[in-house]
PDB file of N, CA and C in Angstrom:
ATOM      1  N   GLN A   1      19.216  16.193 -25.216  1.00  0.00           N
ATOM      2  CA  GLN A   1      19.731  16.010 -23.749  1.00  0.00           C
ATOM      3  C   GLN A   1      18.949  16.731 -22.824  1.00  0.00           C
ATOM      4  N   VAL A   2      18.574  16.111 -21.563  1.00  0.00           N
ATOM      5  CA  VAL A   2      17.699  16.847 -20.670  1.00  0.00           C
ATOM      6  C   VAL A   2      18.353  16.668 -19.291  1.00  0.00           C
ATOM      7  N   GLN A   3      18.423  17.744 -18.580  1.00  0.00           N
ATOM      8  CA  GLN A   3      19.008  17.681 -17.168  1.00  0.00           C
ATOM      9  C   GLN A   3      17.798  17.871 -16.262  1.00  0.00           C
ATOM     10  N   LEU A   4      17.848  17.078 -15.207  1.00  0.00           N
ATOM     11  CA  LEU A   4      16.639  17.069 -14.282  1.00  0.00           C
ATOM     12  C   LEU A   4      17.097  17.297 -12.944  1.00  0.00           C
ATOM     13  N   VAL A   5      16.600  18.319 -12.155  1.00  0.00           N
ATOM     14  CA  VAL A   5      16.949  18.479 -10.846  1.00  0.00           C
ATOM     15  C   VAL A   5      15.780  18.441 -10.035  1.00  0.00           C
ATOM     16  N   GLU A   6      15.624  17.488  -8.944  1.00  0.00           N
ATOM     17  CA  GLU A   6      14.565  17.256  -8.216  1.00  0.00           C
ATOM     18  C   GLU A   6      14.847  18.213  -6.925  1.00  0.00           C
ATOM     19  N   SER A   7      13.746  18.542  -6.178  1.00  0.00           N
ATOM     20  CA  SER A   7      13.686  19.236  -4.857  1.00  0.00           C
ATOM     21  C   SER A   7      12.454  19.087  -4.220  1.00  0.00           C
ATOM     22  N   GLY A   8      12.426  19.440  -3.011  1.00  0.00           N
ATOM     23  CA  GLY A   8      11.338  19.276  -2.239  1.00  0.00           C
ATOM     24  C   GLY A   8      11.188  18.138  -1.231  1.00  0.00           C
ATOM     25  N   GLY A   9      12.138  17.143  -1.223  1.00  0.00           N
ATOM     26  CA  GLY A   9      12.096  16.146  -0.360  1.00  0.00           C
ATOM     27  C   GLY A   9      12.478  16.637   1.230  1.00  0.00           C
ATOM     28  N   GLY A  10      12.222  15.549   2.052  1.00  0.00           N
ATOM     29  CA  GLY A  10      12.425  16.024   3.343  1.00  0.00           C
ATOM     30  C   GLY A  10      11.797  14.954   4.403  1.00  0.00           C
ATOM     31  N   LEU A  11      11.798  15.421   5.665  1.00  0.00           N
ATOM     32  CA  LEU A  11      11.260  14.533   6.734  1.00  0.00           C
ATOM     33  C   LEU A  11       9.778  15.041   7.183  1.00  0.00           C
ATOM     34  N   VAL A  12       8.948  14.164   7.140  1.00  0.00           N
ATOM     35  CA  VAL A  12       7.562  14.506   7.402  1.00  0.00           C
ATOM     36  C   VAL A  12       6.842  13.393   8.240  1.00  0.00           C
ATOM     37  N   GLN A  13       5.967  13.873   9.124  1.00  0.00           N
ATOM     38  CA  GLN A  13       5.311  12.915   9.829  1.00  0.00           C
ATOM     39  C   GLN A  13       4.224  12.266   9.006  1.00  0.00           C
ATOM     40  N   ALA A  14       3.775  11.072   9.430  1.00  0.00           N
ATOM     41  CA  ALA A  14       2.711  10.354   8.778  1.00  0.00           C
ATOM     42  C   ALA A  14       1.434  11.257   8.832  1.00  0.00           C
ATOM     43  N   GLY A  15       0.645  11.189   7.674  1.00  0.00           N
ATOM     44  CA  GLY A  15      -0.554  12.051   7.542  1.00  0.00           C
ATOM     45  C   GLY A  15      -0.124  13.572   6.835  1.00  0.00           C
ATOM     46  N   GLY A  16       1.133  13.875   6.825  1.00  0.00           N
ATOM     47  CA  GLY A  16       1.602  15.242   6.307  1.00  0.00           C
ATOM     48  C   GLY A  16       1.768  15.142   4.845  1.00  0.00           C
ATOM     49  N   SER A  17       2.170  16.295   4.473  1.00  0.00           N
ATOM     50  CA  SER A  17       2.131  16.517   2.854  1.00  0.00           C
ATOM     51  C   SER A  17       3.513  17.042   2.535  1.00  0.00           C
ATOM     52  N   LEU A  18       3.914  16.627   1.286  1.00  0.00           N
ATOM     53  CA  LEU A  18       5.181  17.130   0.612  1.00  0.00           C
ATOM     54  C   LEU A  18       4.834  17.540  -0.768  1.00  0.00           C
ATOM     55  N   ARG A  19       5.585  18.591  -1.438  1.00  0.00           N
ATOM     56  CA  ARG A  19       5.431  18.727  -2.878  1.00  0.00           C
ATOM     57  C   ARG A  19       6.813  18.642  -3.478  1.00  0.00           C
ATOM     58  N   LEU A  20       6.982  17.680  -4.419  1.00  0.00           N
ATOM     59  CA  LEU A  20       8.287  17.593  -5.032  1.00  0.00           C
ATOM     60  C   LEU A  20       8.263  18.288  -6.276  1.00  0.00           C
ATOM     61  N   SER A  21       9.323  18.931  -6.657  1.00  0.00           N
ATOM     62  CA  SER A  21       9.525  19.550  -8.064  1.00  0.00           C
ATOM     63  C   SER A  21      10.734  19.055  -8.804  1.00  0.00           C
ATOM     64  N   CYS A  22      10.543  18.872 -10.086  1.00  0.00           N
ATOM     65  CA  CYS A  22      11.542  18.636 -10.899  1.00  0.00           C
ATOM     66  C   CYS A  22      11.655  19.599 -12.126  1.00  0.00           C
ATOM     67  N   ALA A  23      12.811  20.301 -11.954  1.00  0.00           N
ATOM     68  CA  ALA A  23      13.158  21.264 -13.107  1.00  0.00           C
ATOM     69  C   ALA A  23      13.879  20.823 -14.149  1.00  0.00           C
ATOM     70  N   ALA A  24      13.462  20.956 -15.307  1.00  0.00           N
ATOM     71  CA  ALA A  24      14.101  20.434 -16.516  1.00  0.00           C
ATOM     72  C   ALA A  24      14.823  21.481 -17.377  1.00  0.00           C
ATOM     73  N   SER A  25      16.001  21.115 -18.049  1.00  0.00           N
ATOM     74  CA  SER A  25      16.650  22.177 -18.916  1.00  0.00           C
ATOM     75  C   SER A  25      17.194  21.261 -20.010  1.00  0.00           C
ATOM     76  N   GLY A  26      17.614  22.151 -21.051  1.00  0.00           N
ATOM     77  CA  GLY A  26      18.347  21.566 -22.117  1.00  0.00           C
ATOM     78  C   GLY A  26      17.636  21.065 -23.551  1.00  0.00           C
ATOM     79  N   SER A  27      16.326  20.877 -23.359  1.00  0.00           N
ATOM     80  CA  SER A  27      15.605  20.604 -24.484  1.00  0.00           C
ATOM     81  C   SER A  27      14.158  20.914 -24.423  1.00  0.00           C
ATOM     82  N   ASP A  28      13.339  20.559 -25.436  1.00  0.00           N
ATOM     83  CA  ASP A  28      11.917  20.985 -25.443  1.00  0.00           C
ATOM     84  C   ASP A  28      11.188  20.071 -24.470  1.00  0.00           C
ATOM     85  N   PHE A  29      10.975  20.802 -23.289  1.00  0.00           N
ATOM     86  CA  PHE A  29      10.319  19.981 -22.151  1.00  0.00           C
ATOM     87  C   PHE A  29       8.803  19.426 -22.476  1.00  0.00           C
ATOM     88  N   SER A  30       8.141  20.167 -23.236  1.00  0.00           N
ATOM     89  CA  SER A  30       6.833  19.751 -23.601  1.00  0.00           C
ATOM     90  C   SER A  30       6.621  18.517 -24.290  1.00  0.00           C
ATOM     91  N   ILE A  31       7.647  18.078 -25.027  1.00  0.00           N
ATOM     92  CA  ILE A  31       7.433  16.844 -25.890  1.00  0.00           C
ATOM     93  C   ILE A  31       7.836  15.573 -25.036  1.00  0.00           C
ATOM     94  N   TYR A  32       8.261  15.638 -23.770  1.00  0.00           N
ATOM     95  CA  TYR A  32       8.712  14.695 -22.953  1.00  0.00           C
ATOM     96  C   TYR A  32       7.468  14.104 -22.107  1.00  0.00           C
ATOM     97  N   ALA A  33       7.415  12.672 -22.058  1.00  0.00           N
ATOM     98  CA  ALA A  33       6.595  12.105 -20.941  1.00  0.00           C
ATOM     99  C   ALA A  33       7.309  12.146 -19.802  1.00  0.00           C
ATOM    100  N   MET A  34       6.792  12.519 -18.643  1.00  0.00           N
ATOM    101  CA  MET A  34       7.526  12.599 -17.282  1.00  0.00           C
ATOM    102  C   MET A  34       6.800  11.819 -16.284  1.00  0.00           C
ATOM    103  N   GLY A  35       7.768  11.343 -15.500  1.00  0.00           N
ATOM    104  CA  GLY A  35       7.393  10.399 -14.386  1.00  0.00           C
ATOM    105  C   GLY A  35       8.218  10.678 -13.063  1.00  0.00           C
ATOM    106  N   TRP A  36       7.553  10.247 -12.110  1.00  0.00           N
ATOM    107  CA  TRP A  36       8.155  10.084 -10.757  1.00  0.00           C
ATOM    108  C   TRP A  36       8.288   8.629 -10.416  1.00  0.00           C
ATOM    109  N   TYR A  37       9.518   8.158 -10.051  1.00  0.00           N
ATOM    110  CA  TYR A  37       9.716   6.860  -9.437  1.00  0.00           C
ATOM    111  C   TYR A  37      10.188   6.972  -8.074  1.00  0.00           C
ATOM    112  N   ARG A  38      10.205   5.884  -7.488  1.00  0.00           N
ATOM    113  CA  ARG A  38      10.930   5.815  -6.160  1.00  0.00           C
ATOM    114  C   ARG A  38      11.588   4.581  -5.863  1.00  0.00           C
ATOM    115  N   GLN A  39      12.636   4.681  -5.049  1.00  0.00           N
ATOM    116  CA  GLN A  39      13.315   3.361  -4.532  1.00  0.00           C
ATOM    117  C   GLN A  39      13.452   3.521  -3.012  1.00  0.00           C
ATOM    118  N   ALA A  40      12.939   2.415  -2.385  1.00  0.00           N
ATOM    119  CA  ALA A  40      12.992   2.385  -0.947  1.00  0.00           C
ATOM    120  C   ALA A  40      14.310   1.377  -0.700  1.00  0.00           C
ATOM    121  N   PRO A  41      14.838   1.439   0.388  1.00  0.00           N
ATOM    122  CA  PRO A  41      16.090   0.604   0.733  1.00  0.00           C
ATOM    123  C   PRO A  41      15.791  -1.006   0.507  1.00  0.00           C
ATOM    124  N   GLY A  42      16.607  -1.391  -0.327  1.00  0.00           N
ATOM    125  CA  GLY A  42      16.417  -2.981  -0.530  1.00  0.00           C
ATOM    126  C   GLY A  42      15.278  -3.330  -1.477  1.00  0.00           C
ATOM    127  N   LYS A  43      14.669  -2.415  -2.110  1.00  0.00           N
ATOM    128  CA  LYS A  43      13.650  -2.687  -3.003  1.00  0.00           C
ATOM    129  C   LYS A  43      14.126  -2.046  -4.386  1.00  0.00           C
ATOM    130  N   GLN A  44      13.283  -2.617  -5.381  1.00  0.00           N
ATOM    131  CA  GLN A  44      13.439  -2.081  -6.734  1.00  0.00           C
ATOM    132  C   GLN A  44      12.823  -0.562  -6.990  1.00  0.00           C
ATOM    133  N   ARG A  45      13.374  -0.079  -7.928  1.00  0.00           N
ATOM    134  CA  ARG A  45      12.770   1.292  -8.205  1.00  0.00           C
ATOM    135  C   ARG A  45      11.306   1.058  -8.942  1.00  0.00           C
ATOM    136  N   GLU A  46      10.353   1.882  -8.518  1.00  0.00           N
ATOM    137  CA  GLU A  46       9.031   1.672  -9.053  1.00  0.00           C
ATOM    138  C   GLU A  46       8.466   2.863  -9.476  1.00  0.00           C
ATOM    139  N   LEU A  47       7.608   2.917 -10.448  1.00  0.00           N
ATOM    140  CA  LEU A  47       6.854   3.990 -10.867  1.00  0.00           C
ATOM    141  C   LEU A  47       5.813   4.329  -9.833  1.00  0.00           C
ATOM    142  N   VAL A  48       5.789   5.630  -9.620  1.00  0.00           N
ATOM    143  CA  VAL A  48       4.743   6.161  -8.799  1.00  0.00           C
ATOM    144  C   VAL A  48       3.701   6.913  -9.507  1.00  0.00           C
ATOM    145  N   ALA A  49       4.190   7.891 -10.510  1.00  0.00           N
ATOM    146  CA  ALA A  49       3.169   8.515 -11.214  1.00  0.00           C
ATOM    147  C   ALA A  49       3.817   8.895 -12.515  1.00  0.00           C
ATOM    148  N   ALA A  50       2.987   9.204 -13.546  1.00  0.00           N
ATOM    149  CA  ALA A  50       3.446   9.582 -14.848  1.00  0.00           C
ATOM    150  C   ALA A  50       2.492  10.569 -15.408  1.00  0.00           C
ATOM    151  N   ILE A  51       3.013  11.341 -16.424  1.00  0.00           N
ATOM    152  CA  ILE A  51       2.283  12.358 -17.034  1.00  0.00           C
ATOM    153  C   ILE A  51       2.735  12.355 -18.518  1.00  0.00           C
ATOM    154  N   THR A  52       1.760  12.295 -19.419  1.00  0.00           N
ATOM    155  CA  THR A  52       2.240  12.276 -20.853  1.00  0.00           C
ATOM    156  C   THR A  52       2.330  13.748 -21.340  1.00  0.00           C
ATOM    157  N   SER A  53       2.828  13.947 -22.488  1.00  0.00           N
ATOM    158  CA  SER A  53       3.106  15.278 -23.025  1.00  0.00           C
ATOM    159  C   SER A  53       1.734  15.932 -23.298  1.00  0.00           C
ATOM    160  N   SER A  54       0.556  15.211 -23.381  1.00  0.00           N
ATOM    161  CA  SER A  54      -0.592  15.766 -23.534  1.00  0.00           C
ATOM    162  C   SER A  54      -1.395  16.009 -22.148  1.00  0.00           C
ATOM    163  N   GLY A  55      -0.819  15.470 -20.990  1.00  0.00           N
ATOM    164  CA  GLY A  55      -1.414  15.730 -19.858  1.00  0.00           C
ATOM    165  C   GLY A  55      -2.107  14.384 -19.289  1.00  0.00           C
ATOM    166  N   GLN A  56      -2.143  13.385 -19.831  1.00  0.00           N
ATOM    167  CA  GLN A  56      -2.732  12.187 -19.319  1.00  0.00           C
ATOM    168  C   GLN A  56      -1.866  11.725 -18.148  1.00  0.00           C
ATOM    169  N   THR A  57      -2.609  11.224 -17.061  1.00  0.00           N
ATOM    170  CA  THR A  57      -1.754  10.773 -15.956  1.00  0.00           C
ATOM    171  C   THR A  57      -2.146   9.347 -15.549  1.00  0.00           C
ATOM    172  N   ASN A  58      -1.173   8.626 -14.983  1.00  0.00           N
ATOM    173  CA  ASN A  58      -1.405   7.273 -14.250  1.00  0.00           C
ATOM    174  C   ASN A  58      -0.636   7.220 -12.980  1.00  0.00           C
ATOM    175  N   TYR A  59      -1.120   6.374 -12.217  1.00  0.00           N
ATOM    176  CA  TYR A  59      -0.572   6.302 -10.904  1.00  0.00           C
ATOM    177  C   TYR A  59      -0.483   4.806 -10.401  1.00  0.00           C
ATOM    178  N   ALA A  60       0.577   4.572  -9.517  1.00  0.00           N
ATOM    179  CA  ALA A  60       0.599   3.264  -8.914  1.00  0.00           C
ATOM    180  C   ALA A  60      -0.678   3.273  -7.915  1.00  0.00           C
ATOM    181  N   GLU A  61      -1.273   1.944  -7.816  1.00  0.00           N
ATOM    182  CA  GLU A  61      -2.286   1.723  -7.060  1.00  0.00           C
ATOM    183  C   GLU A  61      -2.072   2.215  -5.547  1.00  0.00           C
ATOM    184  N   SER A  62      -0.867   2.072  -5.066  1.00  0.00           N
ATOM    185  CA  SER A  62      -0.619   2.464  -3.693  1.00  0.00           C
ATOM    186  C   SER A  62      -0.639   4.018  -3.200  1.00  0.00           C
ATOM    187  N   VAL A  63      -0.613   4.821  -4.489  1.00  0.00           N
ATOM    188  CA  VAL A  63      -0.674   6.260  -4.179  1.00  0.00           C
ATOM    189  C   VAL A  63      -1.814   6.849  -4.821  1.00  0.00           C
ATOM    190  N   LYS A  64      -2.708   6.212  -5.540  1.00  0.00           N
ATOM    191  CA  LYS A  64      -3.875   6.700  -6.064  1.00  0.00           C
ATOM    192  C   LYS A  64      -4.798   7.495  -5.013  1.00  0.00           C
ATOM    193  N   SER A  65      -5.317   8.547  -5.143  1.00  0.00           N
ATOM    194  CA  SER A  65      -6.144   9.490  -4.561  1.00  0.00           C
ATOM    195  C   SER A  65      -5.283  10.196  -3.407  1.00  0.00           C
ATOM    196  N   ARG A  66      -3.907   9.819  -3.172  1.00  0.00           N
ATOM    197  CA  ARG A  66      -3.119  10.528  -2.165  1.00  0.00           C
ATOM    198  C   ARG A  66      -2.120  11.521  -2.932  1.00  0.00           C
ATOM    199  N   PHE A  67      -1.596  11.048  -4.189  1.00  0.00           N
ATOM    200  CA  PHE A  67      -0.618  11.884  -4.947  1.00  0.00           C
ATOM    201  C   PHE A  67      -1.146  12.402  -6.195  1.00  0.00           C
ATOM    202  N   THR A  68      -0.740  13.580  -6.592  1.00  0.00           N
ATOM    203  CA  THR A  68      -1.096  14.173  -7.809  1.00  0.00           C
ATOM    204  C   THR A  68       0.189  14.604  -8.518  1.00  0.00           C
ATOM    205  N   ILE A  69       0.285  14.154  -9.868  1.00  0.00           N
ATOM    206  CA  ILE A  69       1.353  14.600 -10.687  1.00  0.00           C
ATOM    207  C   ILE A  69       0.802  15.621 -11.714  1.00  0.00           C
ATOM    208  N   SER A  70       1.786  16.784 -11.831  1.00  0.00           N
ATOM    209  CA  SER A  70       1.251  17.792 -12.793  1.00  0.00           C
ATOM    210  C   SER A  70       2.496  18.281 -13.520  1.00  0.00           C
ATOM    211  N   ARG A  71       2.288  19.110 -14.470  1.00  0.00           N
ATOM    212  CA  ARG A  71       3.394  19.780 -15.087  1.00  0.00           C
ATOM    213  C   ARG A  71       3.051  21.139 -15.567  1.00  0.00           C
ATOM    214  N   ASP A  72       4.093  21.827 -15.606  1.00  0.00           N
ATOM    215  CA  ASP A  72       3.890  23.182 -15.978  1.00  0.00           C
ATOM    216  C   ASP A  72       4.993  23.458 -17.245  1.00  0.00           C
ATOM    217  N   ASN A  73       4.630  23.346 -18.377  1.00  0.00           N
ATOM    218  CA  ASN A  73       5.490  23.536 -19.564  1.00  0.00           C
ATOM    219  C   ASN A  73       6.072  24.825 -19.752  1.00  0.00           C
ATOM    220  N   ALA A  74       5.490  25.778 -19.205  1.00  0.00           N
ATOM    221  CA  ALA A  74       6.041  27.162 -19.225  1.00  0.00           C
ATOM    222  C   ALA A  74       7.280  27.316 -18.392  1.00  0.00           C
ATOM    223  N   GLN A  75       7.117  26.517 -17.165  1.00  0.00           N
ATOM    224  CA  GLN A  75       8.287  26.739 -16.174  1.00  0.00           C
ATOM    225  C   GLN A  75       9.236  25.441 -16.376  1.00  0.00           C
ATOM    226  N   ASN A  76       8.905  24.595 -17.310  1.00  0.00           N
ATOM    227  CA  ASN A  76       9.710  23.347 -17.466  1.00  0.00           C
ATOM    228  C   ASN A  76       9.824  22.538 -16.275  1.00  0.00           C
ATOM    229  N   THR A  77       8.737  22.273 -15.693  1.00  0.00           N
ATOM    230  CA  THR A  77       8.776  21.823 -14.203  1.00  0.00           C
ATOM    231  C   THR A  77       7.768  20.802 -14.240  1.00  0.00           C
ATOM    232  N   VAL A  78       7.920  19.563 -13.565  1.00  0.00           N
ATOM    233  CA  VAL A  78       6.874  18.721 -13.191  1.00  0.00           C
ATOM    234  C   VAL A  78       6.822  18.588 -11.621  1.00  0.00           C
ATOM    235  N   TYR A  79       5.678  18.391 -11.238  1.00  0.00           N
ATOM    236  CA  TYR A  79       5.418  18.331  -9.571  1.00  0.00           C
ATOM    237  C   TYR A  79       4.694  17.013  -9.199  1.00  0.00           C
ATOM    238  N   LEU A  80       5.096  16.682  -8.164  1.00  0.00           N
ATOM    239  CA  LEU A  80       4.321  15.656  -7.433  1.00  0.00           C
ATOM    240  C   LEU A  80       3.823  16.087  -6.099  1.00  0.00           C
ATOM    241  N   GLN A  81       2.604  16.228  -5.890  1.00  0.00           N
ATOM    242  CA  GLN A  81       1.942  16.680  -4.568  1.00  0.00           C
ATOM    243  C   GLN A  81       1.721  15.341  -3.930  1.00  0.00           C
ATOM    244  N   MET A  82       2.157  15.218  -2.722  1.00  0.00           N
ATOM    245  CA  MET A  82       1.997  14.028  -1.854  1.00  0.00           C
ATOM    246  C   MET A  82       1.316  14.322  -0.688  1.00  0.00           C
ATOM    247  N   ASN A  83      -0.010  13.775  -0.430  1.00  0.00           N
ATOM    248  CA  ASN A  83      -0.737  13.943   0.752  1.00  0.00           C
ATOM    249  C   ASN A  83      -1.047  12.761   1.582  1.00  0.00           C
ATOM    250  N   SER A  84      -1.261  12.741   2.641  1.00  0.00           N
ATOM    251  CA  SER A  84      -1.658  11.656   3.569  1.00  0.00           C
ATOM    252  C   SER A  84      -0.468  10.722   3.518  1.00  0.00           C
ATOM    253  N   LEU A  85       0.754  11.251   3.689  1.00  0.00           N
ATOM    254  CA  LEU A  85       1.904  10.349   3.560  1.00  0.00           C
ATOM    255  C   LEU A  85       1.902   9.279   4.534  1.00  0.00           C
ATOM    256  N   LYS A  86       2.450   8.155   4.182  1.00  0.00           N
ATOM    257  CA  LYS A  86       2.635   6.936   5.051  1.00  0.00           C
ATOM    258  C   LYS A  86       3.966   6.564   5.389  1.00  0.00           C
ATOM    259  N   PRO A  87       4.481   5.889   6.437  1.00  0.00           N
ATOM    260  CA  PRO A  87       5.855   5.453   6.492  1.00  0.00           C
ATOM    261  C   PRO A  87       6.347   4.599   5.214  1.00  0.00           C
ATOM    262  N   GLU A  88       5.407   3.926   4.670  1.00  0.00           N
ATOM    263  CA  GLU A  88       5.859   3.028   3.455  1.00  0.00           C
ATOM    264  C   GLU A  88       6.069   4.058   2.263  1.00  0.00           C
ATOM    265  N   ASP A  89       5.773   5.196   2.176  1.00  0.00           N
ATOM    266  CA  ASP A  89       6.205   6.067   1.106  1.00  0.00           C
ATOM    267  C   ASP A  89       7.716   6.470   1.299  1.00  0.00           C
ATOM    268  N   THR A  90       8.314   6.186   2.338  1.00  0.00           N
ATOM    269  CA  THR A  90       9.775   6.531   2.571  1.00  0.00           C
ATOM    270  C   THR A  90      10.528   5.943   1.473  1.00  0.00           C
ATOM    271  N   ALA A  91      11.347   6.755   0.702  1.00  0.00           N
ATOM    272  CA  ALA A  91      12.113   6.372  -0.327  1.00  0.00           C
ATOM    273  C   ALA A  91      12.905   7.528  -0.962  1.00  0.00           C
ATOM    274  N   VAL A  92      13.862   7.118  -1.923  1.00  0.00           N
ATOM    275  CA  VAL A  92      14.426   8.251  -2.730  1.00  0.00           C
ATOM    276  C   VAL A  92      13.438   8.417  -3.939  1.00  0.00           C
ATOM    277  N   TYR A  93      13.080   9.820  -4.328  1.00  0.00           N
ATOM    278  CA  TYR A  93      12.146   9.717  -5.446  1.00  0.00           C
ATOM    279  C   TYR A  93      12.913  10.463  -6.559  1.00  0.00           C
ATOM    280  N   TYR A  94      12.810   9.869  -7.642  1.00  0.00           N
ATOM    281  CA  TYR A  94      13.554  10.242  -8.818  1.00  0.00           C
ATOM    282  C   TYR A  94      12.491  10.760  -9.964  1.00  0.00           C
ATOM    283  N   CYS A  95      13.055  11.824 -10.800  1.00  0.00           N
ATOM    284  CA  CYS A  95      12.227  12.232 -11.752  1.00  0.00           C
ATOM    285  C   CYS A  95      12.801  11.606 -12.958  1.00  0.00           C
ATOM    286  N   ASN A  96      11.989  11.427 -13.991  1.00  0.00           N
ATOM    287  CA  ASN A  96      12.201  10.693 -15.204  1.00  0.00           C
ATOM    288  C   ASN A  96      11.567  11.446 -16.428  1.00  0.00           C
ATOM    289  N   ALA A  97      12.327  11.626 -17.513  1.00  0.00           N
ATOM    290  CA  ALA A  97      11.979  12.271 -18.709  1.00  0.00           C
ATOM    291  C   ALA A  97      12.180  11.147 -19.737  1.00  0.00           C
ATOM    292  N   ARG A  98      11.116  11.106 -20.705  1.00  0.00           N
ATOM    293  CA  ARG A  98      11.226  10.063 -21.695  1.00  0.00           C
ATOM    294  C   ARG A  98      10.574  10.584 -23.057  1.00  0.00           C
ATOM    295  N   HIS A  99      11.645  10.619 -24.134  1.00  0.00           N
ATOM    296  CA  HIS A  99      11.221  10.792 -25.534  1.00  0.00           C
ATOM    297  C   HIS A  99      12.174  10.207 -26.398  1.00  0.00           C
ATOM    298  N   GLN A 100      12.050   9.009 -26.816  1.00  0.00           N
ATOM    299  CA  GLN A 100      13.014   8.353 -27.592  1.00  0.00           C
ATOM    300  C   GLN A 100      14.243   7.877 -26.786  1.00  0.00           C
ATOM    301  N   MET A 101      14.711   8.704 -25.856  1.00  0.00           N
ATOM    302  CA  MET A 101      15.673   8.275 -24.918  1.00  0.00           C
ATOM    303  C   MET A 101      14.987   8.718 -23.355  1.00  0.00           C
ATOM    304  N   GLN A 102      15.652   8.326 -22.498  1.00  0.00           N
ATOM    305  CA  GLN A 102      15.083   8.667 -21.163  1.00  0.00           C
ATOM    306  C   GLN A 102      16.318   9.213 -20.228  1.00  0.00           C
ATOM    307  N   TYR A 103      15.846  10.096 -19.385  1.00  0.00           N
ATOM    308  CA  TYR A 103      16.737  10.686 -18.426  1.00  0.00           C
ATOM    309  C   TYR A 103      16.314  10.694 -17.108  1.00  0.00           C
ATOM    310  N   TRP A 104      17.226  10.742 -16.193  1.00  0.00           N
ATOM    311  CA  TRP A 104      16.974  10.610 -14.740  1.00  0.00           C
ATOM    312  C   TRP A 104      17.535  11.801 -14.026  1.00  0.00           C
ATOM    313  N   GLY A 105      16.896  12.211 -12.904  1.00  0.00           N
ATOM    314  CA  GLY A 105      17.538  13.197 -12.026  1.00  0.00           C
ATOM    315  C   GLY A 105      18.327  12.520 -10.891  1.00  0.00           C
ATOM    316  N   GLN A 106      18.813  13.218  -9.982  1.00  0.00           N
ATOM    317  CA  GLN A 106      19.861  12.661  -9.034  1.00  0.00           C
ATOM    318  C   GLN A 106      18.962  11.910  -7.730  1.00  0.00           C
ATOM    319  N   GLY A 107      17.718  12.451  -7.509  1.00  0.00           N
ATOM    320  CA  GLY A 107      16.761  11.951  -6.570  1.00  0.00           C
ATOM    321  C   GLY A 107      16.592  12.911  -5.419  1.00  0.00           C
ATOM    322  N   THR A 108      15.683  12.799  -4.860  1.00  0.00           N
ATOM    323  CA  THR A 108      15.349  13.663  -3.474  1.00  0.00           C
ATOM    324  C   THR A 108      14.727  12.631  -2.461  1.00  0.00           C
ATOM    325  N   ARG A 109      15.401  12.756  -1.188  1.00  0.00           N
ATOM    326  CA  ARG A 109      14.909  11.675  -0.297  1.00  0.00           C
ATOM    327  C   ARG A 109      13.715  12.218   0.547  1.00  0.00           C
ATOM    328  N   VAL A 110      12.814  11.284   0.611  1.00  0.00           N
ATOM    329  CA  VAL A 110      11.601  11.568   1.433  1.00  0.00           C
ATOM    330  C   VAL A 110      11.580  10.533   2.635  1.00  0.00           C
ATOM    331  N   ALA A 111      11.313  11.062   3.658  1.00  0.00           N
ATOM    332  CA  ALA A 111      11.233  10.142   4.925  1.00  0.00           C
ATOM    333  C   ALA A 111       9.962  10.474   5.687  1.00  0.00           C
ATOM    334  N   VAL A 112       9.203   9.383   6.084  1.00  0.00           N
ATOM    335  CA  VAL A 112       7.822   9.736   6.665  1.00  0.00           C
ATOM    336  C   VAL A 112       7.972   8.900   8.042  1.00  0.00           C
ATOM    337  N   SER A 113       7.879   9.558   9.114  1.00  0.00           N
ATOM    338  CA  SER A 113       8.109   8.887  10.320  1.00  0.00           C
ATOM    339  C   SER A 113       6.605   8.548  10.726  1.00  0.00           C
ATOM    340  N   PRO A 114       6.528   7.592  11.686  1.00  0.00           N
ATOM    341  CA  PRO A 114       5.172   6.962  12.377  1.00  0.00           C
ATOM    342  C   PRO A 114       4.458   8.103  12.824  1.00  0.00           C
TER     343      PRO A 114
END
């Protein structure tokens, strides 16, 4: 069982930056593949970025070169650094942990104004 708590969302102007954090508890964090997903109003949830237990990363095309996912296994935390934010990045961002089963956080809202 894994509990995930996201933080770091907020309102930012286009071109700005935010850093999301996802703190995990309850199990061996290092074995989990971690991901950030987002869901905009009226749209399906989509993968933004993911990082494996060994540190390999992948990104949605729309965020490549702007977003960076990282993990700190000592702190049981995964981060999403978001730079050059655009209004289309506005969404609720969810943290995901996956290893045999998957777990979700409650989400943190990101709003980017023009």
